[in-house]
Protein backbone atom coordinates (compact mmCIF):
# COMPACT_ATOMS: atom_id res chain seq x y z
CA MET A 1 35.66 51.15 -38.45
CA THR A 2 37.91 48.80 -40.71
CA ASP A 3 36.84 47.70 -44.00
CA GLU A 4 39.11 44.23 -42.30
CA ALA A 5 36.29 43.98 -39.43
CA ALA A 6 33.26 44.08 -42.47
CA THR A 7 35.38 41.64 -44.65
CA ALA A 8 35.64 39.42 -41.03
CA LEU A 9 31.87 39.64 -40.41
CA GLN A 10 30.90 38.78 -44.09
CA GLU A 11 32.87 35.73 -43.73
CA LYS A 12 31.31 34.37 -41.09
CA ILE A 13 28.39 35.32 -42.28
CA HIS A 14 28.94 33.42 -45.67
CA ARG A 15 30.64 30.46 -43.51
CA THR A 16 28.13 29.79 -40.94
CA ILE A 17 25.16 30.88 -43.16
CA PRO A 18 25.25 29.20 -46.15
CA LEU A 19 22.06 31.18 -47.59
CA SER A 20 23.93 34.60 -47.30
CA ARG A 21 25.74 33.21 -50.11
CA ALA A 22 23.00 32.59 -52.62
CA LEU A 23 21.48 35.77 -51.70
CA ALA A 24 25.22 37.39 -52.42
CA TYR A 25 24.95 39.21 -49.17
CA ARG A 26 27.56 41.72 -48.51
CA ILE A 27 28.78 44.02 -46.11
CA VAL A 28 29.42 47.50 -47.61
CA GLU A 29 29.21 49.36 -44.40
CA LEU A 30 29.76 48.90 -40.96
CA GLY A 31 30.29 50.74 -37.44
CA SER A 32 29.98 50.36 -34.03
CA ASN A 33 26.43 50.98 -34.18
CA HIS A 34 25.37 50.95 -37.63
CA ILE A 35 25.10 48.38 -40.91
CA THR A 36 25.05 49.21 -44.60
CA VAL A 37 24.48 46.20 -46.15
CA GLU A 38 23.59 45.33 -50.37
CA ALA A 39 22.52 42.24 -52.21
CA PRO A 40 21.90 42.50 -56.68
CA LEU A 41 18.26 42.35 -57.59
CA GLU A 42 19.40 39.04 -59.90
CA PRO A 43 19.96 36.16 -57.37
CA ASN A 44 16.82 37.57 -55.63
CA VAL A 45 14.23 38.44 -57.50
CA ASN A 46 10.43 37.11 -58.35
CA ILE A 47 8.45 36.23 -60.75
CA HIS A 48 7.33 39.92 -61.73
CA GLY A 49 11.13 41.44 -61.94
CA THR A 50 11.27 42.84 -58.54
CA GLY A 51 13.07 42.10 -54.82
CA PHE A 52 11.30 38.48 -53.48
CA ALA A 53 9.90 39.16 -50.40
CA GLY A 54 11.35 36.25 -48.52
CA SER A 55 15.15 37.85 -49.43
CA ILE A 56 14.44 40.84 -48.35
CA TYR A 57 13.06 39.12 -45.53
CA SER A 58 16.30 37.07 -45.47
CA LEU A 59 18.69 40.00 -46.09
CA GLY A 60 16.82 42.67 -43.39
CA MET A 61 17.46 40.09 -40.76
CA LEU A 62 20.68 39.29 -41.69
CA SER A 63 21.68 42.80 -41.30
CA ALA A 64 20.00 42.95 -37.96
CA TRP A 65 21.75 40.22 -36.89
CA ALA A 66 25.28 41.20 -38.29
CA LEU A 67 24.83 44.32 -36.66
CA GLY A 68 24.23 42.45 -33.32
CA SER A 69 27.13 40.15 -33.41
CA HIS A 70 29.59 42.73 -34.57
CA ILE A 71 28.37 44.89 -31.36
CA ILE A 72 28.91 41.87 -29.47
CA ASP A 73 32.73 41.09 -30.33
CA LEU A 74 33.32 44.82 -29.98
CA ALA A 75 32.59 44.94 -26.38
CA GLY A 76 34.88 41.48 -26.53
CA GLN A 77 32.28 39.27 -24.64
CA ALA A 78 31.38 35.70 -26.10
CA ALA A 79 27.33 35.29 -26.42
CA ALA A 80 24.98 33.29 -28.66
CA LEU A 81 22.86 35.72 -30.69
CA VAL A 82 19.19 34.97 -32.07
CA VAL A 83 16.61 36.54 -33.06
CA ALA A 84 13.22 36.05 -30.72
CA GLU A 85 10.49 38.16 -33.04
CA ALA A 86 10.75 39.88 -36.22
CA SER A 87 8.24 41.03 -38.42
CA ILE A 88 8.12 43.09 -41.95
CA ARG A 89 6.34 45.62 -43.97
CA TYR A 90 6.57 45.55 -47.21
CA ARG A 91 6.10 49.43 -48.59
CA ALA A 92 6.96 49.25 -52.74
CA PRO A 93 8.50 46.38 -54.61
CA ILE A 94 11.95 46.89 -55.48
CA ARG A 95 13.52 47.00 -59.10
CA GLU A 96 17.33 47.39 -57.90
CA THR A 97 20.11 46.46 -55.58
CA ILE A 98 18.30 45.59 -52.67
CA ARG A 99 19.91 47.71 -49.73
CA CYS A 100 19.57 47.51 -46.15
CA ARG A 101 20.53 50.30 -43.87
CA CYS A 102 20.58 49.50 -39.87
CA VAL A 103 21.01 51.94 -37.06
CA LEU A 104 20.83 51.93 -33.40
CA ASP A 105 21.48 54.85 -30.88
CA SER A 106 24.30 54.67 -28.45
CA ASN A 107 21.91 54.07 -25.45
CA GLN A 108 20.74 51.61 -27.17
CA THR A 109 23.94 49.73 -27.34
CA GLU A 110 25.65 50.74 -24.59
CA GLY A 111 22.39 49.29 -22.57
CA PHE A 112 22.60 46.38 -24.78
CA VAL A 113 26.69 45.85 -23.36
CA THR A 114 26.00 46.52 -20.13
CA GLN A 115 22.85 43.95 -20.25
CA LEU A 116 24.84 41.58 -21.14
CA SER A 117 28.02 41.73 -19.29
CA THR A 118 26.64 42.07 -15.57
CA LYS A 119 23.93 40.02 -16.10
CA GLY A 120 24.93 37.27 -19.28
CA LYS A 121 22.04 38.13 -21.02
CA ALA A 122 20.39 40.72 -23.38
CA ARG A 123 17.81 41.84 -25.79
CA MET A 124 17.63 44.09 -28.73
CA ASP A 125 15.50 45.86 -30.41
CA ALA A 126 16.46 47.05 -34.18
CA ARG A 127 14.81 48.47 -37.12
CA VAL A 128 16.01 47.69 -40.52
CA GLU A 129 15.04 50.55 -43.70
CA ILE A 130 15.25 48.17 -46.66
CA GLY A 131 15.23 50.31 -50.46
CA ARG A 132 13.97 53.64 -51.27
CA GLU A 133 11.95 55.71 -48.93
CA PRO A 134 11.94 52.76 -47.32
CA ALA A 135 10.52 50.13 -49.61
CA ALA A 136 10.10 47.40 -47.13
CA VAL A 137 11.20 48.42 -42.44
CA LEU A 138 12.03 45.35 -40.67
CA GLN A 139 11.18 45.29 -36.85
CA ALA A 140 13.61 42.74 -34.82
CA SER A 141 13.72 41.75 -31.62
CA LEU A 142 17.47 40.26 -30.69
CA TYR A 143 18.70 37.91 -27.52
CA ALA A 144 21.80 37.18 -26.70
CA SER A 145 23.45 35.31 -23.63
CA ARG A 146 26.62 35.09 -22.97
CA THR A 147 28.28 31.62 -23.88
CA ARG A 148 30.69 29.70 -20.80
CA SER A 149 33.88 28.93 -22.54
CA GLY A 150 36.28 26.33 -21.45
């Protein structure tokens, strides 16, 4: 994937989700079925000097949503994408740059795109690993519905 696609997606997110700017959300890698996102610890720190749980959750959710949005764009579809359900498990404190990684298998991606194009709606489950080992894991279900043009 080109850096242009990552830059365009990051700008779209900063423009439409203002919180992403405050988090210093940055896409560092983007492919057809994966994304890696980073944010510095400093604007996302808690009273203990570790990653703030709300920031960690938000960064993980933005990672899953961004990948879903990118997959929809690659498929040439116009669709609204929302979070249907999400949960996170915090395993260890984060003391450095917050790094989120979301990878979908190709069957999952293809099934999502096929459902969206044939049925006009689709659901996708995503797992985002955050920090080392990982320090947190976010599970999200995203729902897309094709929008009508014109």
